[in-house]
Amino acid sequence: MPDDSRLPSTHVTLRLPADLVERFDRLATAMERSRSWVMLRALRQYLDAEGAEIAEDIESIAELDRGEGEPFETSLKEIEQIIKRAGKKRQPRK
């Protein structure tokens, strides 16, 4: 995780359910860190995982909108060929 103390920061106000804040506080206490540090880490992990998947989906849709995708029929033929090759490999030899 990068050292955020050297990065420019912006103050953000966020309303959260009390139980969620309590969970962050318990983690912060256990880790001997600030609530902000724990929240920042959680946000970074979200953006690296689910957030990255969403960004990838957005880019994929943009590629399709630009006409950069393969026609469905082409993909279907490739899938059928893969299945056919896999079926031949599974047949027992005599």
PDB file of N, CA and C in Angstrom:
ATOM      1  N   MET A   1       0.846  -1.172   0.000  1.00  0.00           N
ATOM      2  CA  MET A   1       0.000   0.000   0.000  1.00  0.00           C
ATOM      3  C   MET A   1       0.891   1.235   0.000  1.00  0.00           C
ATOM      4  N   PRO A   2       0.599   2.202  -0.858  1.00  0.00           N
ATOM      5  CA  PRO A   2       1.460   3.382  -0.932  1.00  0.00           C
ATOM      6  C   PRO A   2       1.423   4.193   0.359  1.00  0.00           C
ATOM      7  N   ASP A   3       2.476   4.951   0.572  1.00  0.00           N
ATOM      8  CA  ASP A   3       2.539   5.859   1.718  1.00  0.00           C
ATOM      9  C   ASP A   3       1.724   7.096   1.374  1.00  0.00           C
ATOM     10  N   ASP A   4       0.497   7.143   1.883  1.00  0.00           N
ATOM     11  CA  ASP A   4      -0.420   8.221   1.537  1.00  0.00           C
ATOM     12  C   ASP A   4      -0.071   9.550   2.189  1.00  0.00           C
ATOM     13  N   SER A   5       0.832   9.544   3.145  1.00  0.00           N
ATOM     14  CA  SER A   5       1.172  10.792   3.822  1.00  0.00           C
ATOM     15  C   SER A   5       1.875  11.769   2.894  1.00  0.00           C
ATOM     16  N   ARG A   6       2.417  11.275   1.801  1.00  0.00           N
ATOM     17  CA  ARG A   6       3.136  12.150   0.861  1.00  0.00           C
ATOM     18  C   ARG A   6       2.275  12.588  -0.319  1.00  0.00           C
ATOM     19  N   LEU A   7       1.082  12.029  -0.429  1.00  0.00           N
ATOM     20  CA  LEU A   7       0.205  12.343  -1.551  1.00  0.00           C
ATOM     21  C   LEU A   7      -0.712  13.512  -1.201  1.00  0.00           C
ATOM     22  N   PRO A   8      -1.055  14.328  -2.199  1.00  0.00           N
ATOM     23  CA  PRO A   8      -2.030  15.388  -1.914  1.00  0.00           C
ATOM     24  C   PRO A   8      -3.360  14.752  -1.516  1.00  0.00           C
ATOM     25  N   SER A   9      -4.070  15.389  -0.614  1.00  0.00           N
ATOM     26  CA  SER A   9      -5.335  14.820  -0.169  1.00  0.00           C
ATOM     27  C   SER A   9      -6.441  15.869  -0.213  1.00  0.00           C
ATOM     28  N   THR A  10      -7.657  15.386  -0.180  1.00  0.00           N
ATOM     29  CA  THR A  10      -8.839  16.230  -0.195  1.00  0.00           C
ATOM     30  C   THR A  10      -9.754  15.770   0.921  1.00  0.00           C
ATOM     31  N   HIS A  11     -10.337  16.714   1.606  1.00  0.00           N
ATOM     32  CA  HIS A  11     -11.282  16.391   2.665  1.00  0.00           C
ATOM     33  C   HIS A  11     -12.612  15.995   2.034  1.00  0.00           C
ATOM     34  N   VAL A  12     -13.198  14.883   2.509  1.00  0.00           N
ATOM     35  CA  VAL A  12     -14.466  14.393   1.995  1.00  0.00           C
ATOM     36  C   VAL A  12     -15.393  14.140   3.181  1.00  0.00           C
ATOM     37  N   THR A  13     -16.625  14.572   3.050  1.00  0.00           N
ATOM     38  CA  THR A  13     -17.628  14.276   4.071  1.00  0.00           C
ATOM     39  C   THR A  13     -18.510  13.158   3.549  1.00  0.00           C
ATOM     40  N   LEU A  14     -18.738  12.158   4.390  1.00  0.00           N
ATOM     41  CA  LEU A  14     -19.473  10.979   3.968  1.00  0.00           C
ATOM     42  C   LEU A  14     -20.376  10.527   5.102  1.00  0.00           C
ATOM     43  N   ARG A  15     -21.645  10.306   4.793  1.00  0.00           N
ATOM     44  CA  ARG A  15     -22.573   9.774   5.798  1.00  0.00           C
ATOM     45  C   ARG A  15     -22.546   8.255   5.709  1.00  0.00           C
ATOM     46  N   LEU A  16     -22.324   7.610   6.856  1.00  0.00           N
ATOM     47  CA  LEU A  16     -22.282   6.155   6.918  1.00  0.00           C
ATOM     48  C   LEU A  16     -23.176   5.673   8.051  1.00  0.00           C
ATOM     49  N   PRO A  17     -23.708   4.464   7.922  1.00  0.00           N
ATOM     50  CA  PRO A  17     -24.460   3.890   9.038  1.00  0.00           C
ATOM     51  C   PRO A  17     -23.540   3.738  10.256  1.00  0.00           C
ATOM     52  N   ALA A  18     -24.095   3.971  11.440  1.00  0.00           N
ATOM     53  CA  ALA A  18     -23.304   3.927  12.673  1.00  0.00           C
ATOM     54  C   ALA A  18     -22.604   2.584  12.857  1.00  0.00           C
ATOM     55  N   ASP A  19     -23.284   1.483  12.509  1.00  0.00           N
ATOM     56  CA  ASP A  19     -22.660   0.170  12.701  1.00  0.00           C
ATOM     57  C   ASP A  19     -21.419  -0.007  11.838  1.00  0.00           C
ATOM     58  N   LEU A  20     -21.421   0.594  10.650  1.00  0.00           N
ATOM     59  CA  LEU A  20     -20.259   0.500   9.775  1.00  0.00           C
ATOM     60  C   LEU A  20     -19.082   1.289  10.350  1.00  0.00           C
ATOM     61  N   VAL A  21     -19.370   2.468  10.885  1.00  0.00           N
ATOM     62  CA  VAL A  21     -18.321   3.279  11.513  1.00  0.00           C
ATOM     63  C   VAL A  21     -17.749   2.548  12.720  1.00  0.00           C
ATOM     64  N   GLU A  22     -18.609   1.895  13.487  1.00  0.00           N
ATOM     65  CA  GLU A  22     -18.139   1.124  14.645  1.00  0.00           C
ATOM     66  C   GLU A  22     -17.205  -0.001  14.207  1.00  0.00           C
ATOM     67  N   ARG A  23     -17.521  -0.641  13.109  1.00  0.00           N
ATOM     68  CA  ARG A  23     -16.651  -1.710  12.597  1.00  0.00           C
ATOM     69  C   ARG A  23     -15.291  -1.155  12.188  1.00  0.00           C
ATOM     70  N   PHE A  24     -15.302  -0.004  11.520  1.00  0.00           N
ATOM     71  CA  PHE A  24     -14.029   0.633  11.156  1.00  0.00           C
ATOM     72  C   PHE A  24     -13.242   0.998  12.417  1.00  0.00           C
ATOM     73  N   ASP A  25     -13.938   1.524  13.414  1.00  0.00           N
ATOM     74  CA  ASP A  25     -13.264   1.911  14.658  1.00  0.00           C
ATOM     75  C   ASP A  25     -12.649   0.712  15.363  1.00  0.00           C
ATOM     76  N   ARG A  26     -13.359  -0.422  15.392  1.00  0.00           N
ATOM     77  CA  ARG A  26     -12.811  -1.629  16.026  1.00  0.00           C
ATOM     78  C   ARG A  26     -11.550  -2.099  15.294  1.00  0.00           C
ATOM     79  N   LEU A  27     -11.617  -2.082  13.960  1.00  0.00           N
ATOM     80  CA  LEU A  27     -10.430  -2.472  13.196  1.00  0.00           C
ATOM     81  C   LEU A  27      -9.274  -1.518  13.439  1.00  0.00           C
ATOM     82  N   ALA A  28      -9.570  -0.231  13.443  1.00  0.00           N
ATOM     83  CA  ALA A  28      -8.519   0.774  13.656  1.00  0.00           C
ATOM     84  C   ALA A  28      -7.854   0.574  15.016  1.00  0.00           C
ATOM     85  N   THR A  29      -8.658   0.331  16.038  1.00  0.00           N
ATOM     86  CA  THR A  29      -8.113   0.110  17.377  1.00  0.00           C
ATOM     87  C   THR A  29      -7.243  -1.143  17.401  1.00  0.00           C
ATOM     88  N   ALA A  30      -7.747  -2.220  16.816  1.00  0.00           N
ATOM     89  CA  ALA A  30      -6.996  -3.484  16.802  1.00  0.00           C
ATOM     90  C   ALA A  30      -5.678  -3.349  16.045  1.00  0.00           C
ATOM     91  N   MET A  31      -5.686  -2.542  15.002  1.00  0.00           N
ATOM     92  CA  MET A  31      -4.492  -2.393  14.167  1.00  0.00           C
ATOM     93  C   MET A  31      -3.603  -1.233  14.616  1.00  0.00           C
ATOM     94  N   GLU A  32      -4.070  -0.513  15.626  1.00  0.00           N
ATOM     95  CA  GLU A  32      -3.364   0.678  16.111  1.00  0.00           C
ATOM     96  C   GLU A  32      -3.121   1.672  14.972  1.00  0.00           C
ATOM     97  N   ARG A  33      -4.191   1.891  14.228  1.00  0.00           N
ATOM     98  CA  ARG A  33      -4.186   2.835  13.106  1.00  0.00           C
ATOM     99  C   ARG A  33      -5.372   3.785  13.264  1.00  0.00           C
ATOM    100  N   SER A  34      -5.411   4.800  12.453  1.00  0.00           N
ATOM    101  CA  SER A  34      -6.543   5.724  12.500  1.00  0.00           C
ATOM    102  C   SER A  34      -7.713   5.157  11.703  1.00  0.00           C
ATOM    103  N   ARG A  35      -8.905   5.640  12.009  1.00  0.00           N
ATOM    104  CA  ARG A  35     -10.089   5.247  11.245  1.00  0.00           C
ATOM    105  C   ARG A  35      -9.886   5.601   9.773  1.00  0.00           C
ATOM    106  N   SER A  36      -9.337   6.762   9.507  1.00  0.00           N
ATOM    107  CA  SER A  36      -9.116   7.189   8.118  1.00  0.00           C
ATOM    108  C   SER A  36      -8.203   6.224   7.382  1.00  0.00           C
ATOM    109  N   TRP A  37      -7.163   5.741   8.047  1.00  0.00           N
ATOM    110  CA  TRP A  37      -6.234   4.809   7.421  1.00  0.00           C
ATOM    111  C   TRP A  37      -6.959   3.527   7.022  1.00  0.00           C
ATOM    112  N   VAL A  38      -7.805   3.007   7.943  1.00  0.00           N
ATOM    113  CA  VAL A  38      -8.543   1.776   7.671  1.00  0.00           C
ATOM    114  C   VAL A  38      -9.533   1.995   6.530  1.00  0.00           C
ATOM    115  N   MET A  39     -10.234   3.116   6.555  1.00  0.00           N
ATOM    116  CA  MET A  39     -11.201   3.411   5.486  1.00  0.00           C
ATOM    117  C   MET A  39     -10.502   3.570   4.140  1.00  0.00           C
ATOM    118  N   LEU A  40      -9.387   4.239   4.138  1.00  0.00           N
ATOM    119  CA  LEU A  40      -8.633   4.426   2.896  1.00  0.00           C
ATOM    120  C   LEU A  40      -8.181   3.084   2.335  1.00  0.00           C
ATOM    121  N   ARG A  41      -7.717   2.219   3.208  1.00  0.00           N
ATOM    122  CA  ARG A  41      -7.291   0.882   2.763  1.00  0.00           C
ATOM    123  C   ARG A  41      -8.468   0.106   2.175  1.00  0.00           C
ATOM    124  N   ALA A  42      -9.627   0.177   2.839  1.00  0.00           N
ATOM    125  CA  ALA A  42     -10.821  -0.518   2.345  1.00  0.00           C
ATOM    126  C   ALA A  42     -11.242   0.029   0.979  1.00  0.00           C
ATOM    127  N   LEU A  43     -11.196   1.333   0.825  1.00  0.00           N
ATOM    128  CA  LEU A  43     -11.564   1.937  -0.461  1.00  0.00           C
ATOM    129  C   LEU A  43     -10.597   1.516  -1.569  1.00  0.00           C
ATOM    130  N   ARG A  44      -9.310   1.509  -1.251  1.00  0.00           N
ATOM    131  CA  ARG A  44      -8.326   1.089  -2.259  1.00  0.00           C
ATOM    132  C   ARG A  44      -8.545  -0.369  -2.670  1.00  0.00           C
ATOM    133  N   GLN A  45      -8.822  -1.238  -1.704  1.00  0.00           N
ATOM    134  CA  GLN A  45      -9.047  -2.646  -2.031  1.00  0.00           C
ATOM    135  C   GLN A  45     -10.297  -2.809  -2.877  1.00  0.00           C
ATOM    136  N   TYR A  46     -11.330  -2.045  -2.590  1.00  0.00           N
ATOM    137  CA  TYR A  46     -12.547  -2.100  -3.398  1.00  0.00           C
ATOM    138  C   TYR A  46     -12.242  -1.654  -4.831  1.00  0.00           C
ATOM    139  N   LEU A  47     -11.542  -0.548  -4.972  1.00  0.00           N
ATOM    140  CA  LEU A  47     -11.237  -0.037  -6.310  1.00  0.00           C
ATOM    141  C   LEU A  47     -10.325  -0.982  -7.080  1.00  0.00           C
ATOM    142  N   ASP A  48      -9.416  -1.660  -6.391  1.00  0.00           N
ATOM    143  CA  ASP A  48      -8.516  -2.608  -7.058  1.00  0.00           C
ATOM    144  C   ASP A  48      -9.241  -3.884  -7.481  1.00  0.00           C
ATOM    145  N   ALA A  49     -10.317  -4.231  -6.800  1.00  0.00           N
ATOM    146  CA  ALA A  49     -11.044  -5.472  -7.111  1.00  0.00           C
ATOM    147  C   ALA A  49     -12.303  -5.157  -7.919  1.00  0.00           C
ATOM    148  N   GLU A  50     -13.397  -4.953  -7.242  1.00  0.00           N
ATOM    149  CA  GLU A  50     -14.681  -4.737  -7.926  1.00  0.00           C
ATOM    150  C   GLU A  50     -14.660  -3.480  -8.794  1.00  0.00           C
ATOM    151  N   GLY A  51     -14.029  -2.437  -8.315  1.00  0.00           N
ATOM    152  CA  GLY A  51     -13.944  -1.214  -9.102  1.00  0.00           C
ATOM    153  C   GLY A  51     -13.199  -1.429 -10.410  1.00  0.00           C
ATOM    154  N   ALA A  52     -12.150  -2.250 -10.372  1.00  0.00           N
ATOM    155  CA  ALA A  52     -11.388  -2.550 -11.587  1.00  0.00           C
ATOM    156  C   ALA A  52     -12.231  -3.351 -12.570  1.00  0.00           C
ATOM    157  N   GLU A  53     -13.043  -4.273 -12.057  1.00  0.00           N
ATOM    158  CA  GLU A  53     -13.924  -5.051 -12.935  1.00  0.00           C
ATOM    159  C   GLU A  53     -14.943  -4.149 -13.623  1.00  0.00           C
ATOM    160  N   ILE A  54     -15.491  -3.212 -12.885  1.00  0.00           N
ATOM    161  CA  ILE A  54     -16.463  -2.282 -13.460  1.00  0.00           C
ATOM    162  C   ILE A  54     -15.797  -1.422 -14.529  1.00  0.00           C
ATOM    163  N   ALA A  55     -14.600  -0.924 -14.246  1.00  0.00           N
ATOM    164  CA  ALA A  55     -13.871  -0.115 -15.227  1.00  0.00           C
ATOM    165  C   ALA A  55     -13.580  -0.927 -16.489  1.00  0.00           C
ATOM    166  N   GLU A  56     -13.238  -2.209 -16.316  1.00  0.00           N
ATOM    167  CA  GLU A  56     -12.982  -3.083 -17.465  1.00  0.00           C
ATOM    168  C   GLU A  56     -14.255  -3.281 -18.288  1.00  0.00           C
ATOM    169  N   ASP A  57     -15.382  -3.455 -17.596  1.00  0.00           N
ATOM    170  CA  ASP A  57     -16.663  -3.596 -18.296  1.00  0.00           C
ATOM    171  C   ASP A  57     -16.991  -2.338 -19.093  1.00  0.00           C
ATOM    172  N   ILE A  58     -16.750  -1.188 -18.505  1.00  0.00           N
ATOM    173  CA  ILE A  58     -17.013   0.086 -19.188  1.00  0.00           C
ATOM    174  C   ILE A  58     -16.164   0.184 -20.452  1.00  0.00           C
ATOM    175  N   GLU A  59     -14.892  -0.192 -20.344  1.00  0.00           N
ATOM    176  CA  GLU A  59     -14.006  -0.137 -21.513  1.00  0.00           C
ATOM    177  C   GLU A  59     -14.447  -1.140 -22.574  1.00  0.00           C
ATOM    178  N   SER A  60     -14.880  -2.325 -22.150  1.00  0.00           N
ATOM    179  CA  SER A  60     -15.349  -3.329 -23.113  1.00  0.00           C
ATOM    180  C   SER A  60     -16.568  -2.825 -23.880  1.00  0.00           C
ATOM    181  N   ILE A  61     -17.484  -2.194 -23.188  1.00  0.00           N
ATOM    182  CA  ILE A  61     -18.668  -1.635 -23.847  1.00  0.00           C
ATOM    183  C   ILE A  61     -18.261  -0.527 -24.819  1.00  0.00           C
ATOM    184  N   ALA A  62     -17.309   0.302 -24.409  1.00  0.00           N
ATOM    185  CA  ALA A  62     -16.830   1.371 -25.296  1.00  0.00           C
ATOM    186  C   ALA A  62     -16.196   0.774 -26.552  1.00  0.00           C
ATOM    187  N   GLU A  63     -15.444  -0.334 -26.413  1.00  0.00           N
ATOM    188  CA  GLU A  63     -14.845  -0.994 -27.572  1.00  0.00           C
ATOM    189  C   GLU A  63     -15.929  -1.501 -28.516  1.00  0.00           C
ATOM    190  N   LEU A  64     -16.970  -2.086 -27.955  1.00  0.00           N
ATOM    191  CA  LEU A  64     -18.085  -2.555 -28.793  1.00  0.00           C
ATOM    192  C   LEU A  64     -18.760  -1.389 -29.503  1.00  0.00           C
ATOM    193  N   ASP A  65     -18.952  -0.293 -28.787  1.00  0.00           N
ATOM    194  CA  ASP A  65     -19.564   0.896 -29.388  1.00  0.00           C
ATOM    195  C   ASP A  65     -18.718   1.441 -30.542  1.00  0.00           C
ATOM    196  N   ARG A  66     -17.397   1.272 -30.448  1.00  0.00           N
ATOM    197  CA  ARG A  66     -16.497   1.730 -31.523  1.00  0.00           C
ATOM    198  C   ARG A  66     -16.390   0.704 -32.646  1.00  0.00           C
ATOM    199  N   GLY A  67     -17.097  -0.415 -32.513  1.00  0.00           N
ATOM    200  CA  GLY A  67     -17.069  -1.448 -33.544  1.00  0.00           C
ATOM    201  C   GLY A  67     -15.848  -2.331 -33.479  1.00  0.00           C
ATOM    202  N   GLU A  68     -15.213  -2.422 -32.338  1.00  0.00           N
ATOM    203  CA  GLU A  68     -13.983  -3.198 -32.199  1.00  0.00           C
ATOM    204  C   GLU A  68     -14.230  -4.642 -31.770  1.00  0.00           C
ATOM    205  N   GLY A  69     -15.471  -5.070 -31.649  1.00  0.00           N
ATOM    206  CA  GLY A  69     -15.779  -6.428 -31.203  1.00  0.00           C
ATOM    207  C   GLY A  69     -15.815  -7.401 -32.362  1.00  0.00           C
ATOM    208  N   GLU A  70     -15.853  -8.671 -32.024  1.00  0.00           N
ATOM    209  CA  GLU A  70     -15.987  -9.735 -33.016  1.00  0.00           C
ATOM    210  C   GLU A  70     -17.467 -10.046 -33.201  1.00  0.00           C
ATOM    211  N   PRO A  71     -17.884 -10.372 -34.405  1.00  0.00           N
ATOM    212  CA  PRO A  71     -19.277 -10.787 -34.604  1.00  0.00           C
ATOM    213  C   PRO A  71     -19.581 -12.047 -33.801  1.00  0.00           C
ATOM    214  N   PHE A  72     -20.803 -12.169 -33.331  1.00  0.00           N
ATOM    215  CA  PHE A  72     -21.216 -13.315 -32.523  1.00  0.00           C
ATOM    216  C   PHE A  72     -20.960 -14.626 -33.251  1.00  0.00           C
ATOM    217  N   GLU A  73     -21.248 -14.646 -34.531  1.00  0.00           N
ATOM    218  CA  GLU A  73     -21.088 -15.873 -35.319  1.00  0.00           C
ATOM    219  C   GLU A  73     -19.635 -16.348 -35.313  1.00  0.00           C
ATOM    220  N   THR A  74     -18.699 -15.419 -35.388  1.00  0.00           N
ATOM    221  CA  THR A  74     -17.276 -15.771 -35.364  1.00  0.00           C
ATOM    222  C   THR A  74     -16.922 -16.414 -34.028  1.00  0.00           C
ATOM    223  N   SER A  75     -17.378 -15.811 -32.957  1.00  0.00           N
ATOM    224  CA  SER A  75     -17.111 -16.361 -31.620  1.00  0.00           C
ATOM    225  C   SER A  75     -17.750 -17.729 -31.460  1.00  0.00           C
ATOM    226  N   LEU A  76     -18.971 -17.890 -31.952  1.00  0.00           N
ATOM    227  CA  LEU A  76     -19.675 -19.165 -31.844  1.00  0.00           C
ATOM    228  C   LEU A  76     -18.925 -20.263 -32.587  1.00  0.00           C
ATOM    229  N   LYS A  77     -18.402 -19.960 -33.793  1.00  0.00           N
ATOM    230  CA  LYS A  77     -17.637 -20.948 -34.548  1.00  0.00           C
ATOM    231  C   LYS A  77     -16.378 -21.360 -33.795  1.00  0.00           C
ATOM    232  N   GLU A  78     -15.701 -20.389 -33.175  1.00  0.00           N
ATOM    233  CA  GLU A  78     -14.498 -20.701 -32.404  1.00  0.00           C
ATOM    234  C   GLU A  78     -14.827 -21.599 -31.218  1.00  0.00           C
ATOM    235  N   ILE A  79     -15.927 -21.316 -30.556  1.00  0.00           N
ATOM    236  CA  ILE A  79     -16.344 -22.136 -29.415  1.00  0.00           C
ATOM    237  C   ILE A  79     -16.658 -23.556 -29.875  1.00  0.00           C
ATOM    238  N   GLU A  80     -17.364 -23.680 -30.982  1.00  0.00           N
ATOM    239  CA  GLU A  80     -17.706 -25.010 -31.505  1.00  0.00           C
ATOM    240  C   GLU A  80     -16.442 -25.797 -31.845  1.00  0.00           C
ATOM    241  N   GLN A  81     -15.442 -25.134 -32.407  1.00  0.00           N
ATOM    242  CA  GLN A  81     -14.185 -25.802 -32.732  1.00  0.00           C
ATOM    243  C   GLN A  81     -13.460 -26.266 -31.466  1.00  0.00           C
ATOM    244  N   ILE A  82     -13.472 -25.435 -30.438  1.00  0.00           N
ATOM    245  CA  ILE A  82     -12.829 -25.802 -29.170  1.00  0.00           C
ATOM    246  C   ILE A  82     -13.517 -27.024 -28.572  1.00  0.00           C
ATOM    247  N   ILE A  83     -14.843 -27.029 -28.591  1.00  0.00           N
ATOM    248  CA  ILE A  83     -15.601 -28.169 -28.050  1.00  0.00           C
ATOM    249  C   ILE A  83     -15.319 -29.430 -28.850  1.00  0.00           C
ATOM    250  N   LYS A  84     -15.263 -29.300 -30.161  1.00  0.00           N
ATOM    251  CA  LYS A  84     -15.003 -30.457 -31.022  1.00  0.00           C
ATOM    252  C   LYS A  84     -13.615 -31.034 -30.735  1.00  0.00           C
ATOM    253  N   ARG A  85     -12.600 -30.165 -30.610  1.00  0.00           N
ATOM    254  CA  ARG A  85     -11.239 -30.643 -30.305  1.00  0.00           C
ATOM    255  C   ARG A  85     -11.184 -31.309 -28.934  1.00  0.00           C
ATOM    256  N   ALA A  86     -11.881 -30.731 -27.962  1.00  0.00           N
ATOM    257  CA  ALA A  86     -11.890 -31.307 -26.618  1.00  0.00           C
ATOM    258  C   ALA A  86     -12.565 -32.675 -26.631  1.00  0.00           C
ATOM    259  N   GLY A  87     -13.626 -32.825 -27.423  1.00  0.00           N
ATOM    260  CA  GLY A  87     -14.315 -34.112 -27.530  1.00  0.00           C
ATOM    261  C   GLY A  87     -13.423 -35.176 -28.128  1.00  0.00           C
ATOM    262  N   LYS A  88     -12.616 -34.803 -29.117  1.00  0.00           N
ATOM    263  CA  LYS A  88     -11.698 -35.765 -29.739  1.00  0.00           C
ATOM    264  C   LYS A  88     -10.622 -36.209 -28.748  1.00  0.00           C
ATOM    265  N   LYS A  89     -10.163 -35.302 -27.907  1.00  0.00           N
ATOM    266  CA  LYS A  89      -9.129 -35.645 -26.928  1.00  0.00           C
ATOM    267  C   LYS A  89      -9.654 -36.585 -25.856  1.00  0.00           C
ATOM    268  N   ARG A  90     -10.952 -36.515 -25.561  1.00  0.00           N
ATOM    269  CA  ARG A  90     -11.530 -37.324 -24.494  1.00  0.00           C
ATOM    270  C   ARG A  90     -11.907 -38.722 -24.945  1.00  0.00           C
ATOM    271  N   GLN A  91     -11.988 -38.964 -26.254  1.00  0.00           N
ATOM    272  CA  GLN A  91     -12.374 -40.278 -26.741  1.00  0.00           C
ATOM    273  C   GLN A  91     -11.270 -41.283 -26.430  1.00  0.00           C
ATOM    274  N   PRO A  92     -11.655 -42.440 -25.853  1.00  0.00           N
ATOM    275  CA  PRO A  92     -10.630 -43.445 -25.520  1.00  0.00           C
ATOM    276  C   PRO A  92     -10.017 -44.034 -26.781  1.00  0.00           C
ATOM    277  N   ARG A  93      -8.742 -44.308 -26.687  1.00  0.00           N
ATOM    278  CA  ARG A  93      -8.047 -44.933 -27.826  1.00  0.00           C
ATOM    279  C   ARG A  93      -8.250 -46.418 -27.789  1.00  0.00           C
ATOM    280  N   LYS A  94      -8.326 -47.022 -28.983  1.00  0.00           N
ATOM    281  CA  LYS A  94      -8.544 -48.467 -29.100  1.00  0.00           C
ATOM    282  C   LYS A  94      -7.257 -49.190 -29.369  1.00  0.00           C
TER     283      LYS A  94
END
